[in-house]
Protein backbone atom coordinates (compact mmCIF):
# COMPACT_ATOMS: atom_id res chain seq x y z
CA MET A 1 106.91 77.11 109.65
CA ALA A 2 110.25 78.91 109.49
CA GLY A 3 112.98 78.61 112.08
CA LYS A 4 113.28 81.13 114.89
CA PHE A 5 115.68 82.49 117.49
CA GLU A 6 114.54 82.36 121.12
CA VAL A 7 116.10 84.58 123.79
CA TYR A 8 115.89 83.46 127.41
CA LYS A 9 117.59 83.73 130.80
CA ASP A 10 119.43 80.69 132.12
CA LYS A 11 119.53 79.54 135.77
CA ALA A 12 122.45 81.86 136.47
CA GLY A 13 120.50 84.88 135.19
CA LYS A 14 122.52 85.22 131.97
CA TYR A 15 120.93 85.79 128.59
CA ARG A 16 121.19 83.07 125.96
CA PHE A 17 119.70 82.30 122.59
CA ARG A 18 118.78 79.14 120.79
CA LEU A 19 117.92 78.64 117.15
CA LYS A 20 114.99 76.32 116.56
CA ALA A 21 114.03 74.68 113.28
CA GLY A 22 110.48 74.91 111.98
CA ASN A 23 109.65 71.61 113.67
CA GLY A 24 110.75 72.95 117.09
CA GLU A 25 114.07 71.08 117.23
CA ILE A 26 116.96 73.07 118.73
CA ILE A 27 119.70 73.27 116.11
CA ALA A 28 122.07 75.82 117.67
CA VAL A 29 122.68 77.54 121.00
CA GLY A 30 124.56 80.69 121.93
CA GLU A 31 126.94 81.46 124.76
CA ALA A 32 125.93 83.23 127.98
CA TYR A 33 125.66 87.02 127.76
CA GLU A 34 125.51 89.54 130.60
CA SER A 35 122.93 91.73 128.87
CA LYS A 36 119.98 91.20 126.58
CA ALA A 37 121.46 93.69 124.11
CA SER A 38 124.67 91.63 123.87
CA CYS A 39 122.61 88.50 123.30
CA LEU A 40 120.68 90.18 120.49
CA ASN A 41 124.01 91.30 118.97
CA GLY A 42 125.12 87.66 119.06
CA ILE A 43 122.03 86.67 117.08
CA GLU A 44 122.70 89.39 114.53
CA SER A 45 126.30 88.21 114.22
CA VAL A 46 125.16 84.67 113.42
CA LYS A 47 122.70 85.97 110.83
CA LYS A 48 125.33 88.19 109.22
CA ASN A 49 128.39 85.95 109.32
CA ALA A 50 127.04 82.47 108.64
CA PRO A 51 124.55 82.54 105.74
CA ASP A 52 127.05 80.93 103.38
CA ALA A 53 129.54 79.48 105.86
CA PRO A 54 131.35 76.41 104.56
CA VAL A 55 131.18 73.10 106.40
CA ILE A 56 134.65 71.89 107.35
CA GLU A 57 135.19 68.43 108.74
CA GLU A 58 137.94 68.20 111.34
CA GLU A 59 139.48 64.86 112.21
């Protein structure tokens, strides 16, 4: 099964997203958004800007 983004409301009523791997493990989480539309834009930003993002180790 492929990974998926889940959109949900947190305890404060803000919209958030999490990216889950095919096995159900959470591998990324988004910030809190005031609106669902902003949350969905955040997901689209991750999809657009990170497909080939390099991994940089900071010490």
